[in-house]
Amino acid sequence: MTLIPVGIIGTGKYVPERVLTNQDLEQMVETNDEWIVTRTGIRERRIAAEHQATSDLAYEAGLKALESAGLTAEDLDLIIVATITPDMFFPSTASLLQHRLGASRAAAFDLSAACSGFIYGLATASNMIATGMYKNVLLVGAECLSRITDYSDRNTCILFGDGAGAVVLGEVPAGRGFQSFELGSDGSGGQLLKIPGGGSRLPSSADSVESKQHYLKMAGNDVFKFAVRVMGSSAENALAKAGMTKTDIDLLIPHQANIRIIQSALNRLELSEDKAMVNLDRYGNVSAASIPLALAEAVEQGRVQEGDKLLLVGFGGGLTWGACTLVW
């Protein structure tokens, strides 16, 4: 079977208007700007308005990606939304987005792999196109993490923000597009990053709400160690599968969780800082939206040119990780 070459043919992003700065957080919890910047690299993050849900952010980013690709919603065969903050358990955020876009031909589903969700989505969508099952797929990473953040917990509230990034995947010329994928999971670390309440294990109740079981919980040091290890190893595995070396990389687009984790990946890959797209200082950690948001900004800024070799890599709850290489 001859596989169709698949790549990204359109990008888009959306971030809410409200900005939450480190100075704002100083008024909410015991922390300060210098401490946050030194340890994370984050200076501010965006917060969704009260009337906005994840599908609203996804809609704005999706519209821009379609415009960038020169397509309409009717051209879409499939919509995937990678998120850990869906509008509701069901229907899927992707189905809500499909209706709002008017993509009447498209199938739709959500994908849950936390901060690795966008890479998982790329692997899923690209294989569906490569085999001829679908032609055009809209993949959106979108999050309203402010809805699951405990703003009395200084260890987590400094990290997360809201936003969305979107891409349209389709056929590209031979030799271009995705060259390799590396996906992984280690469920033994599932307890390190989670929302305990709300599911079938711990259904919603007055007690679960009062004890804040519906907020994100993270064992920061353990997740940091995992991230440093897996960012480098998954990136190297993806490069090896593609027959590429570190010197081939024109731009690294990492998950925007912590500047020290990104710097560690750069060191392991022997890349200079100008080879990485970094915007976490303005948006913080936006989970599944982080990589597509950074990619869209890199395209906007002219940092991605035709023929460039890109390496995308992320990690997240699950624990999960993912990396991919592509020729733009």
C-alpha atoms as a PDB file:
ATOM      1  CA  MET A   1       0.000   0.000   0.000  1.00  0.00           C
ATOM      2  CA  THR A   2       1.372   3.401  -0.994  1.00  0.00           C
ATOM      3  CA  LEU A   3       0.940   5.961   1.770  1.00  0.00           C
ATOM      4  CA  ILE A   4      -0.040   9.536   0.986  1.00  0.00           C
ATOM      5  CA  PRO A   5       2.471  12.139   2.278  1.00  0.00           C
ATOM      6  CA  VAL A   6       0.773  14.189   5.004  1.00  0.00           C
ATOM      7  CA  GLY A   7       1.701  17.543   6.474  1.00  0.00           C
ATOM      8  CA  ILE A   8       0.326  20.670   8.095  1.00  0.00           C
ATOM      9  CA  ILE A   9      -1.347  22.921   5.516  1.00  0.00           C
ATOM     10  CA  GLY A  10      -2.797  25.557   7.859  1.00  0.00           C
ATOM     11  CA  THR A  11      -2.241  26.929  11.376  1.00  0.00           C
ATOM     12  CA  GLY A  12      -4.229  29.111  13.748  1.00  0.00           C
ATOM     13  CA  LYS A  13      -4.307  30.224  17.365  1.00  0.00           C
ATOM     14  CA  TYR A  14      -6.474  32.036  19.875  1.00  0.00           C
ATOM     15  CA  VAL A  15      -5.815  33.315  23.377  1.00  0.00           C
ATOM     16  CA  PRO A  16      -8.313  35.056  25.684  1.00  0.00           C
ATOM     17  CA  GLU A  17      -7.970  38.777  26.316  1.00  0.00           C
ATOM     18  CA  ARG A  18      -7.528  38.698  30.086  1.00  0.00           C
ATOM     19  CA  VAL A  19      -3.909  38.612  31.243  1.00  0.00           C
ATOM     20  CA  LEU A  20      -2.962  37.233  34.671  1.00  0.00           C
ATOM     21  CA  THR A  21       0.522  38.451  35.593  1.00  0.00           C
ATOM     22  CA  ASN A  22       2.913  37.254  38.252  1.00  0.00           C
ATOM     23  CA  GLN A  23       2.213  40.509  40.072  1.00  0.00           C
ATOM     24  CA  ASP A  24      -1.477  39.595  40.117  1.00  0.00           C
ATOM     25  CA  LEU A  25      -0.620  36.221  41.644  1.00  0.00           C
ATOM     26  CA  GLU A  26       1.413  37.957  44.351  1.00  0.00           C
ATOM     27  CA  GLN A  27      -1.905  39.342  45.610  1.00  0.00           C
ATOM     28  CA  MET A  28      -3.489  35.873  45.653  1.00  0.00           C
ATOM     29  CA  VAL A  29      -0.882  33.510  47.120  1.00  0.00           C
ATOM     30  CA  GLU A  30       2.496  33.712  48.832  1.00  0.00           C
ATOM     31  CA  THR A  31       4.807  34.033  45.850  1.00  0.00           C
ATOM     32  CA  ASN A  32       6.673  36.688  43.872  1.00  0.00           C
ATOM     33  CA  ASP A  33       7.617  37.486  40.302  1.00  0.00           C
ATOM     34  CA  GLU A  34      11.317  36.679  40.698  1.00  0.00           C
ATOM     35  CA  TRP A  35      10.600  33.253  42.204  1.00  0.00           C
ATOM     36  CA  ILE A  36       8.183  32.333  39.409  1.00  0.00           C
ATOM     37  CA  VAL A  37      10.387  33.584  36.556  1.00  0.00           C
ATOM     38  CA  THR A  38      13.535  31.947  37.940  1.00  0.00           C
ATOM     39  CA  ARG A  39      11.935  28.530  38.358  1.00  0.00           C
ATOM     40  CA  THR A  40       9.528  28.437  35.431  1.00  0.00           C
ATOM     41  CA  GLY A  41      10.256  31.261  32.976  1.00  0.00           C
ATOM     42  CA  ILE A  42       6.588  32.301  33.097  1.00  0.00           C
ATOM     43  CA  ARG A  43       5.691  35.997  33.429  1.00  0.00           C
ATOM     44  CA  GLU A  44       1.987  35.980  32.551  1.00  0.00           C
ATOM     45  CA  ARG A  45      -0.790  33.738  31.298  1.00  0.00           C
ATOM     46  CA  ARG A  46      -4.201  34.202  29.629  1.00  0.00           C
ATOM     47  CA  ILE A  47      -7.505  33.504  31.376  1.00  0.00           C
ATOM     48  CA  ALA A  48     -10.786  32.751  29.625  1.00  0.00           C
ATOM     49  CA  ALA A  49     -13.742  35.045  30.225  1.00  0.00           C
ATOM     50  CA  GLU A  50     -16.628  33.733  32.328  1.00  0.00           C
ATOM     51  CA  HIS A  51     -18.736  33.076  29.241  1.00  0.00           C
ATOM     52  CA  GLN A  52     -15.983  31.205  27.408  1.00  0.00           C
ATOM     53  CA  ALA A  53     -15.572  27.424  27.399  1.00  0.00           C
ATOM     54  CA  THR A  54     -12.968  25.275  25.669  1.00  0.00           C
ATOM     55  CA  SER A  55     -15.077  24.928  22.509  1.00  0.00           C
ATOM     56  CA  ASP A  56     -15.203  28.727  22.180  1.00  0.00           C
ATOM     57  CA  LEU A  57     -11.418  28.965  22.194  1.00  0.00           C
ATOM     58  CA  ALA A  58     -11.173  26.004  19.803  1.00  0.00           C
ATOM     59  CA  TYR A  59     -13.645  27.656  17.426  1.00  0.00           C
ATOM     60  CA  GLU A  60     -11.565  30.837  17.070  1.00  0.00           C
ATOM     61  CA  ALA A  61      -8.324  28.926  16.509  1.00  0.00           C
ATOM     62  CA  GLY A  62     -10.050  26.540  14.112  1.00  0.00           C
ATOM     63  CA  LEU A  63     -11.410  29.362  11.970  1.00  0.00           C
ATOM     64  CA  LYS A  64      -7.917  30.806  11.583  1.00  0.00           C
ATOM     65  CA  ALA A  65      -6.423  27.436  10.689  1.00  0.00           C
ATOM     66  CA  LEU A  66      -9.071  26.884   8.008  1.00  0.00           C
ATOM     67  CA  GLU A  67      -8.427  30.355   6.593  1.00  0.00           C
ATOM     68  CA  SER A  68      -4.685  29.677   6.590  1.00  0.00           C
ATOM     69  CA  ALA A  69      -5.267  26.410   4.705  1.00  0.00           C
ATOM     70  CA  GLY A  70      -7.605  28.055   2.203  1.00  0.00           C
ATOM     71  CA  LEU A  71     -10.402  25.655   3.118  1.00  0.00           C
ATOM     72  CA  THR A  72     -13.955  25.913   4.423  1.00  0.00           C
ATOM     73  CA  ALA A  73     -15.561  23.865   7.178  1.00  0.00           C
ATOM     74  CA  GLU A  74     -17.410  21.874   4.531  1.00  0.00           C
ATOM     75  CA  ASP A  75     -14.048  20.610   3.265  1.00  0.00           C
ATOM     76  CA  LEU A  76     -13.315  18.850   6.568  1.00  0.00           C
ATOM     77  CA  ASP A  77     -13.639  15.085   6.919  1.00  0.00           C
ATOM     78  CA  LEU A  78     -12.698  14.894  10.599  1.00  0.00           C
ATOM     79  CA  ILE A  79     -12.313  17.155  13.637  1.00  0.00           C
ATOM     80  CA  ILE A  80     -10.198  16.114  16.628  1.00  0.00           C
ATOM     81  CA  VAL A  81      -9.966  18.196  19.795  1.00  0.00           C
ATOM     82  CA  ALA A  82      -7.142  17.354  22.195  1.00  0.00           C
ATOM     83  CA  THR A  83      -8.098  18.580  25.656  1.00  0.00           C
ATOM     84  CA  ILE A  84      -8.307  17.747  29.361  1.00  0.00           C
ATOM     85  CA  THR A  85     -10.867  20.509  29.945  1.00  0.00           C
ATOM     86  CA  PRO A  86     -13.802  19.596  27.690  1.00  0.00           C
ATOM     87  CA  ASP A  87     -16.951  21.680  27.879  1.00  0.00           C
ATOM     88  CA  MET A  88     -18.575  18.645  29.524  1.00  0.00           C
ATOM     89  CA  PHE A  89     -18.069  14.868  29.785  1.00  0.00           C
ATOM     90  CA  PHE A  90     -20.153  14.417  26.653  1.00  0.00           C
ATOM     91  CA  PRO A  91     -20.980  15.271  23.966  1.00  0.00           C
ATOM     92  CA  SER A  92     -17.423  15.758  22.864  1.00  0.00           C
ATOM     93  CA  THR A  93     -16.012  19.244  22.495  1.00  0.00           C
ATOM     94  CA  ALA A  94     -15.156  18.241  18.916  1.00  0.00           C
ATOM     95  CA  SER A  95     -18.835  17.600  18.165  1.00  0.00           C
ATOM     96  CA  LEU A  96     -19.791  20.982  19.606  1.00  0.00           C
ATOM     97  CA  LEU A  97     -17.059  22.570  17.491  1.00  0.00           C
ATOM     98  CA  GLN A  98     -18.214  20.691  14.392  1.00  0.00           C
ATOM     99  CA  HIS A  99     -21.720  22.119  14.751  1.00  0.00           C
ATOM    100  CA  ARG A 100     -20.517  25.669  15.350  1.00  0.00           C
ATOM    101  CA  LEU A 101     -18.142  25.582  12.383  1.00  0.00           C
ATOM    102  CA  GLY A 102     -20.827  24.101  10.140  1.00  0.00           C
ATOM    103  CA  ALA A 103     -18.620  21.144   9.224  1.00  0.00           C
ATOM    104  CA  SER A 104     -21.573  18.916   8.373  1.00  0.00           C
ATOM    105  CA  ARG A 105     -19.465  16.251   6.600  1.00  0.00           C
ATOM    106  CA  ALA A 106     -16.962  15.784   9.404  1.00  0.00           C
ATOM    107  CA  ALA A 107     -16.694  13.050  11.981  1.00  0.00           C
ATOM    108  CA  ALA A 108     -15.622  14.353  15.404  1.00  0.00           C
ATOM    109  CA  PHE A 109     -14.098  13.121  18.640  1.00  0.00           C
ATOM    110  CA  ASP A 110     -12.015  14.296  21.587  1.00  0.00           C
ATOM    111  CA  LEU A 111      -8.603  12.916  22.478  1.00  0.00           C
ATOM    112  CA  SER A 112      -7.289  12.792  26.048  1.00  0.00           C
ATOM    113  CA  ALA A 113      -3.531  12.528  26.537  1.00  0.00           C
ATOM    114  CA  ALA A 114      -3.039  15.685  28.638  1.00  0.00           C
ATOM    115  CA  CYS A 115      -0.134  17.855  27.455  1.00  0.00           C
ATOM    116  CA  SER A 116       0.887  15.171  24.943  1.00  0.00           C
ATOM    117  CA  GLY A 117      -2.557  15.278  23.360  1.00  0.00           C
ATOM    118  CA  PHE A 118      -1.625  17.357  20.338  1.00  0.00           C
ATOM    119  CA  ILE A 119       1.211  15.010  19.307  1.00  0.00           C
ATOM    120  CA  TYR A 120      -1.103  12.021  19.787  1.00  0.00           C
ATOM    121  CA  GLY A 121      -3.640  13.848  17.628  1.00  0.00           C
ATOM    122  CA  LEU A 122      -1.101  14.489  14.885  1.00  0.00           C
ATOM    123  CA  ALA A 123      -0.203  10.797  14.775  1.00  0.00           C
ATOM    124  CA  THR A 124      -3.869   9.784  14.651  1.00  0.00           C
ATOM    125  CA  ALA A 125      -4.934  12.304  12.000  1.00  0.00           C
ATOM    126  CA  SER A 126      -1.901  11.877   9.756  1.00  0.00           C
ATOM    127  CA  ASN A 127      -2.325   8.106   9.593  1.00  0.00           C
ATOM    128  CA  MET A 128      -5.992   8.474   8.674  1.00  0.00           C
ATOM    129  CA  ILE A 129      -5.017  10.732   5.779  1.00  0.00           C
ATOM    130  CA  ALA A 130      -1.968   8.676   4.761  1.00  0.00           C
ATOM    131  CA  THR A 131      -4.133   5.576   4.298  1.00  0.00           C
ATOM    132  CA  GLY A 132      -6.695   7.460   2.222  1.00  0.00           C
ATOM    133  CA  MET A 133      -9.469   7.246   4.821  1.00  0.00           C
ATOM    134  CA  TYR A 134      -9.798  11.035   5.031  1.00  0.00           C
ATOM    135  CA  LYS A 135      -8.477  14.008   3.094  1.00  0.00           C
ATOM    136  CA  ASN A 136      -8.661  17.062   5.382  1.00  0.00           C
ATOM    137  CA  VAL A 137      -8.516  16.945   9.183  1.00  0.00           C
ATOM    138  CA  LEU A 138      -8.782  19.808  11.674  1.00  0.00           C
ATOM    139  CA  LEU A 139      -6.847  19.127  14.865  1.00  0.00           C
ATOM    140  CA  VAL A 140      -7.244  21.569  17.753  1.00  0.00           C
ATOM    141  CA  GLY A 141      -5.449  21.639  21.088  1.00  0.00           C
ATOM    142  CA  ALA A 142      -7.609  23.741  23.411  1.00  0.00           C
ATOM    143  CA  GLU A 143      -7.731  24.233  27.166  1.00  0.00           C
ATOM    144  CA  CYS A 144      -9.442  26.247  29.884  1.00  0.00           C
ATOM    145  CA  LEU A 145      -7.039  25.207  32.631  1.00  0.00           C
ATOM    146  CA  SER A 146      -8.113  28.139  34.802  1.00  0.00           C
ATOM    147  CA  ARG A 147     -11.318  26.140  35.436  1.00  0.00           C
ATOM    148  CA  ILE A 148      -9.397  23.286  37.083  1.00  0.00           C
ATOM    149  CA  THR A 149      -6.690  25.352  38.807  1.00  0.00           C
ATOM    150  CA  ASP A 150      -6.734  25.901  42.576  1.00  0.00           C
ATOM    151  CA  TYR A 151      -5.716  29.520  43.009  1.00  0.00           C
ATOM    152  CA  SER A 152      -4.891  28.922  46.663  1.00  0.00           C
ATOM    153  CA  ASP A 153      -2.216  26.356  45.700  1.00  0.00           C
ATOM    154  CA  ARG A 154       0.920  28.338  44.893  1.00  0.00           C
ATOM    155  CA  ASN A 155       2.706  25.296  43.471  1.00  0.00           C
ATOM    156  CA  THR A 156       0.245  24.885  40.592  1.00  0.00           C
ATOM    157  CA  CYS A 157      -1.605  28.172  40.092  1.00  0.00           C
ATOM    158  CA  ILE A 158       1.514  29.928  38.806  1.00  0.00           C
ATOM    159  CA  LEU A 159       1.868  27.480  35.913  1.00  0.00           C
ATOM    160  CA  PHE A 160      -1.333  27.244  33.918  1.00  0.00           C
ATOM    161  CA  GLY A 161      -3.263  29.338  31.431  1.00  0.00           C
ATOM    162  CA  ASP A 162      -5.959  29.136  28.749  1.00  0.00           C
ATOM    163  CA  GLY A 163      -5.726  29.127  24.966  1.00  0.00           C
ATOM    164  CA  ALA A 164      -6.048  27.162  21.747  1.00  0.00           C
ATOM    165  CA  GLY A 165      -3.918  26.233  18.756  1.00  0.00           C
ATOM    166  CA  ALA A 166      -5.151  24.528  15.609  1.00  0.00           C
ATOM    167  CA  VAL A 167      -3.782  22.903  12.476  1.00  0.00           C
ATOM    168  CA  VAL A 168      -5.280  21.528   9.287  1.00  0.00           C
ATOM    169  CA  LEU A 169      -3.639  18.359   8.016  1.00  0.00           C
ATOM    170  CA  GLY A 170      -3.726  17.300   4.390  1.00  0.00           C
ATOM    171  CA  GLU A 171      -1.730  15.876   1.513  1.00  0.00           C
ATOM    172  CA  VAL A 172       1.618  17.536   0.763  1.00  0.00           C
ATOM    173  CA  PRO A 173       4.284  16.979  -1.935  1.00  0.00           C
ATOM    174  CA  ALA A 174       6.425  13.857  -1.703  1.00  0.00           C
ATOM    175  CA  GLY A 175       9.304  14.256   0.738  1.00  0.00           C
ATOM    176  CA  ARG A 176       7.451  16.835   2.807  1.00  0.00           C
ATOM    177  CA  GLY A 177       5.275  16.453   5.886  1.00  0.00           C
ATOM    178  CA  PHE A 178       5.568  14.021   8.768  1.00  0.00           C
ATOM    179  CA  GLN A 179       8.615  11.774   8.809  1.00  0.00           C
ATOM    180  CA  SER A 180       8.251   9.976  12.151  1.00  0.00           C
ATOM    181  CA  PHE A 181       6.286   9.683  15.377  1.00  0.00           C
ATOM    182  CA  GLU A 182       7.264   8.519  18.850  1.00  0.00           C
ATOM    183  CA  LEU A 183       4.458   8.008  21.382  1.00  0.00           C
ATOM    184  CA  GLY A 184       4.628   6.563  24.868  1.00  0.00           C
ATOM    185  CA  SER A 185       2.892   6.121  28.177  1.00  0.00           C
ATOM    186  CA  ASP A 186       3.792   5.031  31.714  1.00  0.00           C
ATOM    187  CA  GLY A 187       0.587   4.591  33.663  1.00  0.00           C
ATOM    188  CA  SER A 188       2.523   3.774  36.833  1.00  0.00           C
ATOM    189  CA  GLY A 189       3.028   7.539  37.124  1.00  0.00           C
ATOM    190  CA  GLY A 190      -0.647   8.330  36.710  1.00  0.00           C
ATOM    191  CA  GLN A 191      -0.965   9.544  40.291  1.00  0.00           C
ATOM    192  CA  LEU A 192       1.671  12.232  39.791  1.00  0.00           C
ATOM    193  CA  LEU A 193      -0.549  14.514  37.698  1.00  0.00           C
ATOM    194  CA  LYS A 194      -4.317  14.182  37.913  1.00  0.00           C
ATOM    195  CA  ILE A 195      -7.761  15.495  38.775  1.00  0.00           C
ATOM    196  CA  PRO A 196      -9.036  12.976  41.333  1.00  0.00           C
ATOM    197  CA  GLY A 197     -12.724  13.922  41.414  1.00  0.00           C
ATOM    198  CA  GLY A 198     -15.581  13.857  38.961  1.00  0.00           C
ATOM    199  CA  GLY A 199     -15.089  10.487  37.304  1.00  0.00           C
ATOM    200  CA  SER A 200     -16.373   7.003  38.116  1.00  0.00           C
ATOM    201  CA  ARG A 201     -13.639   6.463  40.723  1.00  0.00           C
ATOM    202  CA  LEU A 202     -14.645   9.484  42.781  1.00  0.00           C
ATOM    203  CA  PRO A 203     -18.005  10.825  41.590  1.00  0.00           C
ATOM    204  CA  SER A 204     -18.936  14.427  42.273  1.00  0.00           C
ATOM    205  CA  SER A 205     -20.378  15.017  45.710  1.00  0.00           C
ATOM    206  CA  ALA A 206     -20.549  17.767  48.305  1.00  0.00           C
ATOM    207  CA  ASP A 207     -17.533  16.157  50.007  1.00  0.00           C
ATOM    208  CA  SER A 208     -15.471  15.947  46.804  1.00  0.00           C
ATOM    209  CA  VAL A 209     -16.149  19.598  46.030  1.00  0.00           C
ATOM    210  CA  GLU A 210     -15.385  20.758  49.573  1.00  0.00           C
ATOM    211  CA  SER A 211     -12.085  18.851  49.621  1.00  0.00           C
ATOM    212  CA  LYS A 212     -11.067  20.346  46.242  1.00  0.00           C
ATOM    213  CA  GLN A 213     -10.859  17.006  44.455  1.00  0.00           C
ATOM    214  CA  HIS A 214     -11.932  18.626  41.181  1.00  0.00           C
ATOM    215  CA  TYR A 215      -8.764  20.703  40.884  1.00  0.00           C
ATOM    216  CA  LEU A 216      -5.510  19.681  39.227  1.00  0.00           C
ATOM    217  CA  LYS A 217      -3.044  17.932  41.560  1.00  0.00           C
ATOM    218  CA  MET A 218       0.629  17.596  40.692  1.00  0.00           C
ATOM    219  CA  ALA A 219       3.740  16.146  42.310  1.00  0.00           C
ATOM    220  CA  GLY A 220       5.941  18.847  40.816  1.00  0.00           C
ATOM    221  CA  ASN A 221       9.413  17.451  41.478  1.00  0.00           C
ATOM    222  CA  ASP A 222       8.566  13.987  40.197  1.00  0.00           C
ATOM    223  CA  VAL A 223       6.931  15.354  37.050  1.00  0.00           C
ATOM    224  CA  PHE A 224       9.937  17.625  36.455  1.00  0.00           C
ATOM    225  CA  LYS A 225      12.371  14.682  36.623  1.00  0.00           C
ATOM    226  CA  PHE A 226      10.184  12.635  34.285  1.00  0.00           C
ATOM    227  CA  ALA A 227       9.887  15.515  31.827  1.00  0.00           C
ATOM    228  CA  VAL A 228      13.610  16.193  31.643  1.00  0.00           C
ATOM    229  CA  ARG A 229      14.288  12.521  30.963  1.00  0.00           C
ATOM    230  CA  VAL A 230      11.546  11.869  28.434  1.00  0.00           C
ATOM    231  CA  MET A 231      11.831  15.116  26.440  1.00  0.00           C
ATOM    232  CA  GLY A 232      15.339  14.181  25.395  1.00  0.00           C
ATOM    233  CA  SER A 233      14.812  10.459  24.849  1.00  0.00           C
ATOM    234  CA  SER A 234      11.585  10.787  22.849  1.00  0.00           C
ATOM    235  CA  ALA A 235      13.121  13.531  20.692  1.00  0.00           C
ATOM    236  CA  GLU A 236      16.154  11.365  19.936  1.00  0.00           C
ATOM    237  CA  ASN A 237      13.946   8.358  19.114  1.00  0.00           C
ATOM    238  CA  ALA A 238      11.807  10.414  16.717  1.00  0.00           C
ATOM    239  CA  LEU A 239      14.929  11.706  14.966  1.00  0.00           C
ATOM    240  CA  ALA A 240      16.356   8.191  14.641  1.00  0.00           C
ATOM    241  CA  LYS A 241      13.108   6.860  13.139  1.00  0.00           C
ATOM    242  CA  ALA A 242      13.216   9.651  10.542  1.00  0.00           C
ATOM    243  CA  GLY A 243      16.890   9.041   9.721  1.00  0.00           C
ATOM    244  CA  MET A 244      17.691  12.544  10.969  1.00  0.00           C
ATOM    245  CA  THR A 245      20.375  13.829  13.305  1.00  0.00           C
ATOM    246  CA  LYS A 246      20.415  16.687  15.796  1.00  0.00           C
ATOM    247  CA  THR A 247      22.142  18.908  13.269  1.00  0.00           C
ATOM    248  CA  ASP A 248      19.225  18.537  10.852  1.00  0.00           C
ATOM    249  CA  ILE A 249      16.809  20.365  13.167  1.00  0.00           C
ATOM    250  CA  ASP A 250      15.875  23.851  11.997  1.00  0.00           C
ATOM    251  CA  LEU A 251      13.347  24.485  14.776  1.00  0.00           C
ATOM    252  CA  LEU A 252      12.388  22.713  17.991  1.00  0.00           C
ATOM    253  CA  ILE A 253       8.822  23.299  19.169  1.00  0.00           C
ATOM    254  CA  PRO A 254       8.584  21.861  22.678  1.00  0.00           C
ATOM    255  CA  HIS A 255       5.710  21.668  25.117  1.00  0.00           C
ATOM    256  CA  GLN A 256       5.761  24.971  27.000  1.00  0.00           C
ATOM    257  CA  ALA A 257       5.784  23.785  30.619  1.00  0.00           C
ATOM    258  CA  ASN A 258       8.970  25.096  32.186  1.00  0.00           C
ATOM    259  CA  ILE A 259      11.981  26.937  30.745  1.00  0.00           C
ATOM    260  CA  ARG A 260      14.386  24.680  32.621  1.00  0.00           C
ATOM    261  CA  ILE A 261      12.890  21.588  30.975  1.00  0.00           C
ATOM    262  CA  ILE A 262      13.205  23.236  27.548  1.00  0.00           C
ATOM    263  CA  GLN A 263      16.815  24.215  28.259  1.00  0.00           C
ATOM    264  CA  SER A 264      17.580  20.654  29.313  1.00  0.00           C
ATOM    265  CA  ALA A 265      16.201  19.379  25.985  1.00  0.00           C
ATOM    266  CA  LEU A 266      18.263  21.937  24.078  1.00  0.00           C
ATOM    267  CA  ASN A 267      21.402  20.835  25.904  1.00  0.00           C
ATOM    268  CA  ARG A 268      20.772  17.159  25.207  1.00  0.00           C
ATOM    269  CA  LEU A 269      20.100  17.861  21.534  1.00  0.00           C
ATOM    270  CA  GLU A 270      23.084  20.242  21.373  1.00  0.00           C
ATOM    271  CA  LEU A 271      20.924  23.052  20.017  1.00  0.00           C
ATOM    272  CA  SER A 272      21.294  26.787  20.599  1.00  0.00           C
ATOM    273  CA  GLU A 273      18.405  28.709  22.169  1.00  0.00           C
ATOM    274  CA  ASP A 274      17.543  30.374  18.866  1.00  0.00           C
ATOM    275  CA  LYS A 275      16.619  26.915  17.535  1.00  0.00           C
ATOM    276  CA  ALA A 276      13.649  26.661  19.934  1.00  0.00           C
ATOM    277  CA  MET A 277      10.269  28.373  19.788  1.00  0.00           C
ATOM    278  CA  VAL A 278       9.479  29.587  23.304  1.00  0.00           C
ATOM    279  CA  ASN A 279       6.395  31.558  24.332  1.00  0.00           C
ATOM    280  CA  LEU A 280       5.654  30.211  27.806  1.00  0.00           C
ATOM    281  CA  ASP A 281       6.701  33.557  29.301  1.00  0.00           C
ATOM    282  CA  ARG A 282       3.452  34.996  27.862  1.00  0.00           C
ATOM    283  CA  TYR A 283       1.074  32.045  28.068  1.00  0.00           C
ATOM    284  CA  GLY A 284       2.347  29.636  30.722  1.00  0.00           C
ATOM    285  CA  ASN A 285       1.516  25.952  30.396  1.00  0.00           C
ATOM    286  CA  VAL A 286      -1.577  25.547  28.184  1.00  0.00           C
ATOM    287  CA  SER A 287      -1.420  21.719  28.134  1.00  0.00           C
ATOM    288  CA  ALA A 288      -2.612  20.303  24.779  1.00  0.00           C
ATOM    289  CA  ALA A 289      -2.783  23.823  23.308  1.00  0.00           C
ATOM    290  CA  SER A 290       0.832  24.640  24.042  1.00  0.00           C
ATOM    291  CA  ILE A 291       2.603  23.079  21.036  1.00  0.00           C
ATOM    292  CA  PRO A 292       0.074  24.160  18.351  1.00  0.00           C
ATOM    293  CA  LEU A 293      -0.047  27.661  19.820  1.00  0.00           C
ATOM    294  CA  ALA A 294       3.754  27.882  19.669  1.00  0.00           C
ATOM    295  CA  LEU A 295       3.760  26.463  16.135  1.00  0.00           C
ATOM    296  CA  ALA A 296       1.189  29.014  14.944  1.00  0.00           C
ATOM    297  CA  GLU A 297       3.252  31.845  16.415  1.00  0.00           C
ATOM    298  CA  ALA A 298       6.432  30.520  14.814  1.00  0.00           C
ATOM    299  CA  VAL A 299       4.678  30.514  11.442  1.00  0.00           C
ATOM    300  CA  GLU A 300       3.342  34.040  12.070  1.00  0.00           C
ATOM    301  CA  GLN A 301       6.836  35.270  12.903  1.00  0.00           C
ATOM    302  CA  GLY A 302       8.346  33.772   9.768  1.00  0.00           C
ATOM    303  CA  ARG A 303      10.468  31.319  11.740  1.00  0.00           C
ATOM    304  CA  VAL A 304       9.216  28.381   9.665  1.00  0.00           C
ATOM    305  CA  GLN A 305      10.192  28.271   6.007  1.00  0.00           C
ATOM    306  CA  GLU A 306       9.426  25.750   3.287  1.00  0.00           C
ATOM    307  CA  GLY A 307      11.758  22.782   3.557  1.00  0.00           C
ATOM    308  CA  ASP A 308      12.588  23.382   7.222  1.00  0.00           C
ATOM    309  CA  LYS A 309      12.922  20.318   9.432  1.00  0.00           C
ATOM    310  CA  LEU A 310      10.855  20.630  12.617  1.00  0.00           C
ATOM    311  CA  LEU A 311      10.920  18.585  15.797  1.00  0.00           C
ATOM    312  CA  LEU A 312       7.836  18.726  18.035  1.00  0.00           C
ATOM    313  CA  VAL A 313       8.026  17.129  21.490  1.00  0.00           C
ATOM    314  CA  GLY A 314       5.791  17.058  24.552  1.00  0.00           C
ATOM    315  CA  PHE A 315       4.967  15.220  27.775  1.00  0.00           C
ATOM    316  CA  GLY A 316       2.046  15.179  30.162  1.00  0.00           C
ATOM    317  CA  GLY A 317      -0.258  13.407  32.562  1.00  0.00           C
ATOM    318  CA  GLY A 318      -0.770   9.720  32.071  1.00  0.00           C
ATOM    319  CA  LEU A 319       2.163   9.846  32.222  1.00  0.00           C
ATOM    320  CA  THR A 320       2.440  10.302  28.466  1.00  0.00           C
ATOM    321  CA  TRP A 321       4.919  11.628  25.950  1.00  0.00           C
ATOM    322  CA  GLY A 322       5.152  12.203  22.233  1.00  0.00           C
ATOM    323  CA  ALA A 323       7.473  13.556  19.567  1.00  0.00           C
ATOM    324  CA  CYS A 324       7.381  13.896  15.811  1.00  0.00           C
ATOM    325  CA  THR A 325       9.514  15.163  12.958  1.00  0.00           C
ATOM    326  CA  LEU A 326       8.277  16.854   9.824  1.00  0.00           C
ATOM    327  CA  VAL A 327       9.569  18.678   6.777  1.00  0.00           C
ATOM    328  CA  TRP A 328       7.592  21.893   6.286  1.00  0.00           C
END
